[in-house]
Amino acid sequence: MRVLHVMNGAMGGAAKSTIELAGALQDKGVESFFVSDDDGPSDARDNLERSYRKRFKRTQLFWWNKKIRARRWKRPLLNSKMWIQSLAMTRGTLDIIMMARKFHIDVIHTNTSLTPEGFIASKILRRPHVWHIRERLGAHEPFPMLVPPLARHGFRLSDAVIANSPSTYRCYKSFCGENEAYDNLSVIENGLDLSLFKQRKKQQTGQAKVRVGMIGHLSSPVKNHARFIDIAHAAERLPLSFHIFGHIPKTAYASDLKQQAEKLGLKNLYFEGPLSHPAEIANMMDVLVVPNGTESFGRVAVEAMVSEVPVVAASGGGVSDVLSEQCGVIVPASHIPKYVDALKELLDVDTRASFGLAGRKRAQKLFDIDACADKVLRIYKGITS
């Protein structure tokens, strides 16, 4: 079987999950091909291009969500720019059609709800289509749609829809309407290649400071880096150091975050740049904080769990489904003192070790990439039979 994966970028949690899924499917006899939007740092796309060569193609896709991260006066300009660059969605659609015909693709799998070209191409080619919802959709969610009725229509007409978490599933049902029939909808939580994450070495008592980390590229306020900086400020007198891991672009947003830290006079906060590999979590931090309460899944939380790193996370979103009270602490999203209270509890090395072991067991039980691939493969077989 041959599957064409459509992605809205080569970097980020959704891209990682797609690529790891494709790798696990390959072991089950599924050959994967990729069309990716040109968004994000070029090195991420270059790495994919080197790995997959002719099986990878970059293009310009149209993102049909509202650009709520930009200022209001900029939003119509951004939509117009993307409309022109994507040639009114024809550029990406034609590239997908060409790839599907050239390589005799059996299934088109769109790995984001934000670009419609995979669905359009599937209807033109009359090939089965899977729409993988990896974002929280809705008027009051991070990804409101430009024309909701069109999005709903596309989802309904897809052969299968996959929600990447119970949280995404709930948002999707709210977006499409509770009275709709959901015969084509499944919940398949993201899987990780857990073999890449080694068991954490026993932590030593007497460590000078407990390292608190956050993972998220400094490209969007959705990750809520500013809240993490506020937590660092509130916990200044505790034996904690705070570390932000993620790509640091030369943008006003990244600059504003650094200015925020400087104005607060923080001596315990460090902008570290990106991790070279997620498995580094175990060596780079003792506690992970996820200050964003609108994650659709929370991949970094699972990476921390399997690395035996306890998690403190904002309530709401997919991370609340990922964690249990044995391996993490859920706090009200905007209540800074609650984060500090949770971090105080985790100053104790034995408490961190207990949370860490429970997290690793939970991740191994629920989030293995092989089990995820089996569920997706059953969907492929069902819609191609």
Protein backbone atom coordinates (compact mmCIF):
# COMPACT_ATOMS: atom_id res chain seq x y z
CA MET A 1 0.00 0.00 0.00
CA ARG A 2 1.17 3.54 -0.80
CA VAL A 3 0.09 6.56 1.26
CA LEU A 4 0.66 10.23 0.51
CA HIS A 5 0.95 12.33 3.69
CA VAL A 6 0.06 16.02 3.36
CA MET A 7 1.64 18.22 6.07
CA ASN A 8 1.36 21.94 6.85
CA GLY A 9 5.07 22.14 7.70
CA ALA A 10 8.18 20.07 8.33
CA MET A 11 8.72 21.22 11.92
CA GLY A 12 6.72 20.88 15.12
CA GLY A 13 4.79 18.21 16.98
CA ALA A 14 2.38 17.38 14.14
CA ALA A 15 5.26 16.89 11.68
CA LYS A 16 7.18 14.69 14.15
CA SER A 17 4.11 12.57 14.79
CA THR A 18 3.46 12.17 11.05
CA ILE A 19 7.04 11.17 10.26
CA GLU A 20 7.22 8.67 13.13
CA LEU A 21 3.86 7.21 12.08
CA ALA A 22 5.16 6.79 8.52
CA GLY A 23 8.24 4.99 9.85
CA ALA A 24 6.13 2.56 11.91
CA LEU A 25 3.79 1.95 8.94
CA GLN A 26 6.76 1.12 6.73
CA ASP A 27 7.48 -1.90 8.95
CA LYS A 28 3.90 -3.03 8.23
CA GLY A 29 4.24 -2.84 4.45
CA VAL A 30 3.05 0.74 3.86
CA GLU A 31 5.24 2.98 1.69
CA SER A 32 4.94 6.67 2.57
CA PHE A 33 5.26 9.80 0.43
CA PHE A 34 5.09 13.43 1.56
CA VAL A 35 3.87 16.81 0.37
CA SER A 36 4.72 19.59 2.81
CA ASP A 37 3.99 23.28 2.96
CA ASP A 38 7.04 25.51 2.63
CA ASP A 39 6.43 26.95 6.12
CA GLY A 40 9.10 27.01 8.83
CA PRO A 41 12.91 26.79 8.93
CA SER A 42 14.46 25.48 5.71
CA ASP A 43 16.74 22.98 7.50
CA ALA A 44 13.72 20.91 8.66
CA ARG A 45 12.46 20.63 5.06
CA ASP A 46 15.99 19.96 3.78
CA ASN A 47 16.36 17.04 6.21
CA LEU A 48 13.09 15.52 5.00
CA GLU A 49 14.11 16.04 1.39
CA ARG A 50 17.43 14.27 1.98
CA SER A 51 15.73 11.39 3.78
CA TYR A 52 12.91 10.77 1.29
CA ARG A 53 14.33 12.28 -1.93
CA LYS A 54 11.80 11.77 -4.74
CA ARG A 55 9.14 10.74 -2.23
CA PHE A 56 9.09 14.25 -0.75
CA LYS A 57 7.81 17.44 -2.38
CA ARG A 58 7.50 20.94 -0.98
CA THR A 59 4.74 23.24 -2.15
CA GLN A 60 2.64 26.23 -1.09
CA LEU A 61 -0.56 25.30 0.71
CA PHE A 62 -3.40 27.60 1.73
CA TRP A 63 -4.11 27.67 5.47
CA TRP A 64 -7.85 28.19 5.82
CA ASN A 65 -7.84 29.05 9.52
CA LYS A 66 -8.21 32.63 10.77
CA LYS A 67 -4.87 34.29 11.44
CA ILE A 68 -5.72 35.19 15.04
CA ARG A 69 -2.05 35.33 16.03
CA ALA A 70 -1.56 38.40 13.84
CA ARG A 71 -2.93 41.87 14.47
CA ARG A 72 -6.41 42.45 13.10
CA TRP A 73 -5.33 44.82 10.34
CA LYS A 74 -2.77 42.25 9.13
CA ARG A 75 -5.13 39.29 8.89
CA PRO A 76 -6.78 40.06 5.52
CA LEU A 77 -3.35 40.88 4.11
CA LEU A 78 -1.96 37.51 5.25
CA ASN A 79 -4.94 35.65 3.80
CA SER A 80 -4.57 37.51 0.50
CA LYS A 81 -0.85 36.77 0.40
CA MET A 82 -1.38 33.04 1.00
CA TRP A 83 -4.21 32.97 -1.55
CA ILE A 84 -1.93 34.46 -4.18
CA GLN A 85 1.12 32.34 -3.27
CA SER A 86 -0.96 29.15 -3.37
CA LEU A 87 -2.53 30.29 -6.67
CA ALA A 88 -5.97 30.02 -5.07
CA MET A 89 -5.12 26.54 -3.72
CA THR A 90 -4.38 25.18 -7.20
CA ARG A 91 -0.59 24.98 -6.71
CA GLY A 92 -0.72 22.58 -3.77
CA THR A 93 -3.67 20.65 -5.17
CA LEU A 94 -1.88 20.06 -8.49
CA ASP A 95 1.35 19.01 -6.74
CA ILE A 96 -0.60 16.46 -4.67
CA ILE A 97 -2.38 15.16 -7.79
CA MET A 98 0.94 14.83 -9.65
CA MET A 99 2.55 12.92 -6.76
CA ALA A 100 -0.50 10.65 -6.38
CA ARG A 101 -0.55 9.79 -10.09
CA LYS A 102 3.21 9.41 -10.46
CA PHE A 103 3.57 7.00 -7.53
CA HIS A 104 0.16 5.26 -7.79
CA ILE A 105 -0.96 6.39 -4.34
CA ASP A 106 -3.72 4.36 -2.66
CA VAL A 107 -4.65 6.77 0.18
CA ILE A 108 -4.20 10.51 0.69
CA HIS A 109 -3.71 11.26 4.38
CA THR A 110 -3.96 14.95 5.32
CA ASN A 111 -2.14 15.34 8.65
CA THR A 112 -3.62 18.70 9.61
CA SER A 113 -7.07 20.27 9.61
CA LEU A 114 -5.61 23.59 8.41
CA THR A 115 -5.04 22.88 4.71
CA PRO A 116 -7.79 21.56 2.37
CA GLU A 117 -5.75 20.68 -0.73
CA GLY A 118 -5.33 16.99 0.16
CA PHE A 119 -9.08 16.58 0.41
CA ILE A 120 -9.68 18.47 -2.86
CA ALA A 121 -7.09 16.34 -4.69
CA SER A 122 -8.61 13.12 -3.34
CA LYS A 123 -12.02 14.06 -4.71
CA ILE A 124 -10.59 14.92 -8.13
CA LEU A 125 -8.67 11.62 -8.23
CA ARG A 126 -11.42 9.62 -6.52
CA ARG A 127 -8.93 8.22 -4.03
CA PRO A 128 -9.72 7.50 -0.36
CA HIS A 129 -8.96 10.38 1.99
CA VAL A 130 -8.08 10.42 5.70
CA TRP A 131 -8.32 13.74 7.53
CA HIS A 132 -6.15 13.72 10.66
CA ILE A 133 -7.29 16.46 13.05
CA ARG A 134 -4.27 17.58 15.08
CA GLU A 135 -5.60 21.01 16.11
CA ARG A 136 -8.31 22.29 18.44
CA LEU A 137 -10.92 23.82 16.15
CA GLY A 138 -13.64 26.32 17.01
CA ALA A 139 -14.51 29.98 17.36
CA HIS A 140 -12.92 30.22 20.83
CA GLU A 141 -10.07 27.77 20.21
CA PRO A 142 -6.55 28.39 18.82
CA PHE A 143 -7.69 27.55 15.29
CA PRO A 144 -11.00 29.15 14.23
CA MET A 145 -11.76 28.49 10.57
CA LEU A 146 -12.22 31.16 7.90
CA VAL A 147 -15.37 29.53 6.49
CA PRO A 148 -16.59 26.92 9.04
CA PRO A 149 -19.35 25.42 6.81
CA LEU A 150 -16.80 24.55 4.11
CA ALA A 151 -14.50 22.89 6.65
CA ARG A 152 -17.39 20.88 8.11
CA HIS A 153 -18.42 19.79 4.61
CA GLY A 154 -14.90 18.57 3.83
CA PHE A 155 -14.64 16.62 7.08
CA ARG A 156 -18.03 14.95 6.49
CA LEU A 157 -17.08 13.84 2.98
CA SER A 158 -13.73 12.34 3.98
CA ASP A 159 -13.58 8.55 4.12
CA ALA A 160 -12.13 8.69 7.64
CA VAL A 161 -11.41 11.37 10.24
CA ILE A 162 -8.88 10.79 13.04
CA ALA A 163 -8.72 12.95 16.16
CA ASN A 164 -5.32 12.84 17.85
CA SER A 165 -6.70 13.02 21.40
CA PRO A 166 -9.97 12.96 23.37
CA SER A 167 -9.58 16.75 23.70
CA THR A 168 -9.39 17.20 19.92
CA TYR A 169 -12.35 14.83 19.55
CA ARG A 170 -14.48 16.96 21.89
CA CYS A 171 -13.54 20.16 20.05
CA TYR A 172 -14.25 18.53 16.68
CA LYS A 173 -17.73 17.41 17.79
CA SER A 174 -18.48 20.87 19.16
CA PHE A 175 -17.25 22.44 15.89
CA CYS A 176 -19.25 20.13 13.62
CA GLY A 177 -22.35 19.90 15.81
CA GLU A 178 -23.40 17.42 18.47
CA ASN A 179 -26.27 16.13 16.33
CA GLU A 180 -24.04 15.04 13.46
CA ALA A 181 -23.38 11.38 12.66
CA TYR A 182 -19.74 10.50 13.38
CA ASP A 183 -19.44 7.12 11.68
CA ASN A 184 -16.14 8.10 10.04
CA LEU A 185 -14.53 9.50 13.22
CA SER A 186 -11.94 7.70 15.39
CA VAL A 187 -9.73 8.78 18.28
CA ILE A 188 -6.15 7.57 17.84
CA GLU A 189 -3.74 9.24 20.23
CA ASN A 190 -0.31 10.08 18.85
CA GLY A 191 2.34 7.45 19.31
CA LEU A 192 6.07 7.87 19.89
CA ASP A 193 9.04 5.65 19.15
CA LEU A 194 9.63 4.91 22.83
CA SER A 195 12.81 2.93 22.12
CA LEU A 196 14.63 6.26 21.58
CA PHE A 197 14.14 7.24 25.23
CA LYS A 198 16.41 5.55 27.74
CA GLN A 199 15.57 5.05 31.41
CA ARG A 200 16.66 8.00 33.52
CA LYS A 201 19.65 7.56 35.81
CA LYS A 202 18.95 7.77 39.54
CA GLN A 203 18.84 11.42 40.59
CA GLN A 204 21.25 12.57 43.26
CA THR A 205 20.18 14.44 46.40
CA GLY A 206 21.93 17.70 47.18
CA GLN A 207 21.68 19.06 43.62
CA ALA A 208 22.21 22.84 43.72
CA LYS A 209 19.09 23.70 41.73
CA VAL A 210 16.21 21.78 40.23
CA ARG A 211 16.05 22.47 36.49
CA VAL A 212 12.59 23.41 35.22
CA GLY A 213 12.13 23.31 31.46
CA MET A 214 9.65 24.39 28.82
CA ILE A 215 9.76 23.21 25.19
CA GLY A 216 8.32 25.35 22.40
CA HIS A 217 9.71 27.32 19.48
CA LEU A 218 9.62 31.07 20.13
CA SER A 219 7.51 31.63 17.04
CA SER A 220 3.99 31.85 18.45
CA PRO A 221 2.26 33.09 21.62
CA VAL A 222 0.09 29.96 21.57
CA LYS A 223 2.76 28.09 23.57
CA ASN A 224 2.53 30.81 26.26
CA HIS A 225 6.23 31.43 26.90
CA ALA A 226 5.25 34.64 28.70
CA ARG A 227 3.43 32.63 31.39
CA PHE A 228 6.52 30.47 31.90
CA ILE A 229 8.58 33.62 32.42
CA ASP A 230 6.02 34.83 34.98
CA ILE A 231 6.34 31.47 36.79
CA ALA A 232 10.13 31.90 36.89
CA HIS A 233 9.65 35.35 38.38
CA ALA A 234 7.21 34.11 41.03
CA ALA A 235 9.58 31.26 41.98
CA GLU A 236 12.73 33.39 42.11
CA ARG A 237 13.49 32.59 45.74
CA LEU A 238 13.23 28.81 45.30
CA PRO A 239 16.26 26.66 44.36
CA LEU A 240 15.06 26.41 40.76
CA SER A 241 16.49 27.36 37.38
CA PHE A 242 14.19 27.86 34.36
CA HIS A 243 15.11 26.91 30.78
CA ILE A 244 13.23 27.56 27.53
CA PHE A 245 14.12 25.14 24.73
CA GLY A 246 13.10 25.96 21.17
CA HIS A 247 14.10 27.63 17.93
CA ILE A 248 14.62 31.39 18.44
CA PRO A 249 13.71 33.26 15.25
CA LYS A 250 14.53 36.91 14.68
CA THR A 251 10.98 38.11 15.25
CA ALA A 252 9.25 40.75 17.37
CA TYR A 253 7.64 38.00 19.47
CA ALA A 254 10.97 36.40 20.43
CA SER A 255 12.45 39.83 21.11
CA ASP A 256 9.49 40.76 23.34
CA LEU A 257 9.99 37.63 25.44
CA LYS A 258 13.64 38.45 26.06
CA GLN A 259 12.68 42.00 26.98
CA GLN A 260 10.07 40.66 29.41
CA ALA A 261 12.77 38.59 31.17
CA GLU A 262 15.16 41.55 31.26
CA LYS A 263 12.55 43.92 32.73
CA LEU A 264 11.83 41.41 35.50
CA GLY A 265 15.56 41.17 36.16
CA LEU A 266 15.50 37.38 36.08
CA LYS A 267 18.80 35.67 36.87
CA ASN A 268 17.28 32.18 36.92
CA LEU A 269 15.93 32.06 33.33
CA TYR A 270 17.82 30.87 30.25
CA PHE A 271 16.91 30.79 26.53
CA GLU A 272 18.62 27.58 25.44
CA GLY A 273 17.75 27.14 21.77
CA PRO A 274 16.32 23.85 20.42
CA LEU A 275 17.08 20.39 21.77
CA SER A 276 19.03 18.34 19.24
CA HIS A 277 16.75 15.37 20.03
CA PRO A 278 13.73 14.91 22.33
CA ALA A 279 15.59 12.15 24.21
CA GLU A 280 17.78 14.93 25.64
CA ILE A 281 14.93 15.88 27.97
CA ALA A 282 16.17 13.45 30.62
CA ASN A 283 19.58 15.16 30.74
CA MET A 284 18.45 18.78 30.37
CA MET A 285 15.67 19.15 32.94
CA ASP A 286 14.22 17.68 36.13
CA VAL A 287 10.65 18.97 35.67
CA LEU A 288 8.74 19.96 32.52
CA VAL A 289 6.19 22.78 32.61
CA VAL A 290 3.52 23.00 29.90
CA PRO A 291 1.95 26.47 30.42
CA ASN A 292 -0.35 26.26 27.39
CA GLY A 293 -3.85 24.98 28.18
CA THR A 294 -4.90 24.63 24.54
CA GLU A 295 -2.58 21.87 23.28
CA SER A 296 -4.43 19.40 21.07
CA PHE A 297 -2.33 16.48 22.36
CA GLY A 298 0.82 17.48 24.22
CA ARG A 299 3.62 15.48 22.63
CA VAL A 300 6.29 17.12 24.81
CA ALA A 301 4.46 15.86 27.91
CA VAL A 302 4.67 12.26 26.64
CA GLU A 303 8.36 12.75 25.77
CA ALA A 304 8.95 13.94 29.34
CA MET A 305 6.94 11.06 30.83
CA VAL A 306 8.87 8.37 28.97
CA SER A 307 12.08 10.18 30.03
CA GLU A 308 10.92 9.90 33.68
CA VAL A 309 10.57 13.68 34.00
CA PRO A 310 7.49 14.81 36.00
CA VAL A 311 5.15 17.30 34.32
CA VAL A 312 3.35 20.39 35.62
CA ALA A 313 0.74 21.43 33.07
CA ALA A 314 -2.02 23.96 32.51
CA SER A 315 -5.53 22.56 32.69
CA GLY A 316 -7.50 22.19 29.49
CA GLY A 317 -6.35 20.72 26.20
CA GLY A 318 -4.86 17.35 25.42
CA VAL A 319 -2.23 17.32 28.18
CA SER A 320 -5.00 16.85 30.76
CA ASP A 321 -5.84 13.55 29.01
CA VAL A 322 -2.20 12.51 28.68
CA LEU A 323 -1.27 12.87 32.37
CA SER A 324 -2.44 11.06 35.47
CA GLU A 325 -2.16 12.37 39.03
CA GLN A 326 0.62 9.82 39.64
CA CYS A 327 2.96 11.33 37.04
CA GLY A 328 1.99 14.99 36.76
CA VAL A 329 0.22 17.96 38.27
CA ILE A 330 -2.59 19.81 36.47
CA VAL A 331 -3.04 23.42 37.60
CA PRO A 332 -5.46 26.21 36.59
CA ALA A 333 -3.98 27.61 33.39
CA SER A 334 -3.49 31.24 34.44
CA HIS A 335 -2.99 30.79 38.20
CA ILE A 336 0.77 31.39 38.64
CA PRO A 337 0.89 30.58 42.42
CA LYS A 338 -0.46 27.07 41.70
CA TYR A 339 2.47 26.37 39.38
CA VAL A 340 4.84 27.51 42.12
CA ASP A 341 3.10 25.25 44.69
CA ALA A 342 3.48 22.27 42.34
CA LEU A 343 7.17 23.03 41.80
CA LYS A 344 7.70 23.27 45.57
CA GLU A 345 6.27 19.75 45.89
CA LEU A 346 8.68 18.52 43.22
CA LEU A 347 11.77 19.93 44.93
CA ASP A 348 11.95 16.58 46.72
CA VAL A 349 14.06 14.13 44.70
CA ASP A 350 12.08 11.07 45.81
CA THR A 351 8.79 12.67 44.76
CA ARG A 352 10.26 13.45 41.33
CA ALA A 353 11.52 9.87 41.00
CA SER A 354 8.10 8.44 41.92
CA PHE A 355 6.34 10.70 39.39
CA GLY A 356 8.96 9.83 36.78
CA LEU A 357 8.57 6.05 37.08
CA ALA A 358 4.77 6.32 36.94
CA GLY A 359 5.02 8.53 33.86
CA ARG A 360 7.28 6.10 32.01
CA LYS A 361 4.93 3.18 32.70
CA ARG A 362 1.91 5.20 31.52
CA ALA A 363 3.67 6.33 28.32
CA GLN A 364 4.74 2.77 27.49
CA LYS A 365 1.20 1.51 28.01
CA LEU A 366 -0.71 4.20 26.07
CA PHE A 367 1.53 5.98 23.58
CA ASP A 368 3.59 3.40 21.68
CA ILE A 369 3.99 4.22 17.99
CA ASP A 370 3.56 0.60 16.92
CA ALA A 371 0.08 0.37 18.48
CA CYS A 372 -0.83 3.73 16.91
CA ALA A 373 0.30 2.49 13.47
CA ASP A 374 -1.79 -0.69 13.81
CA LYS A 375 -4.94 1.38 14.39
CA VAL A 376 -4.21 3.69 11.44
CA LEU A 377 -3.46 0.70 9.19
CA ARG A 378 -6.85 -0.81 10.04
CA ILE A 379 -8.47 2.42 8.85
CA TYR A 380 -6.46 2.36 5.59
CA LYS A 381 -7.55 -1.22 4.92
CA GLY A 382 -11.15 -0.42 5.76
CA ILE A 383 -11.42 2.48 3.29
CA THR A 384 -9.54 0.76 0.47
CA SER A 385 -11.27 -2.61 0.63
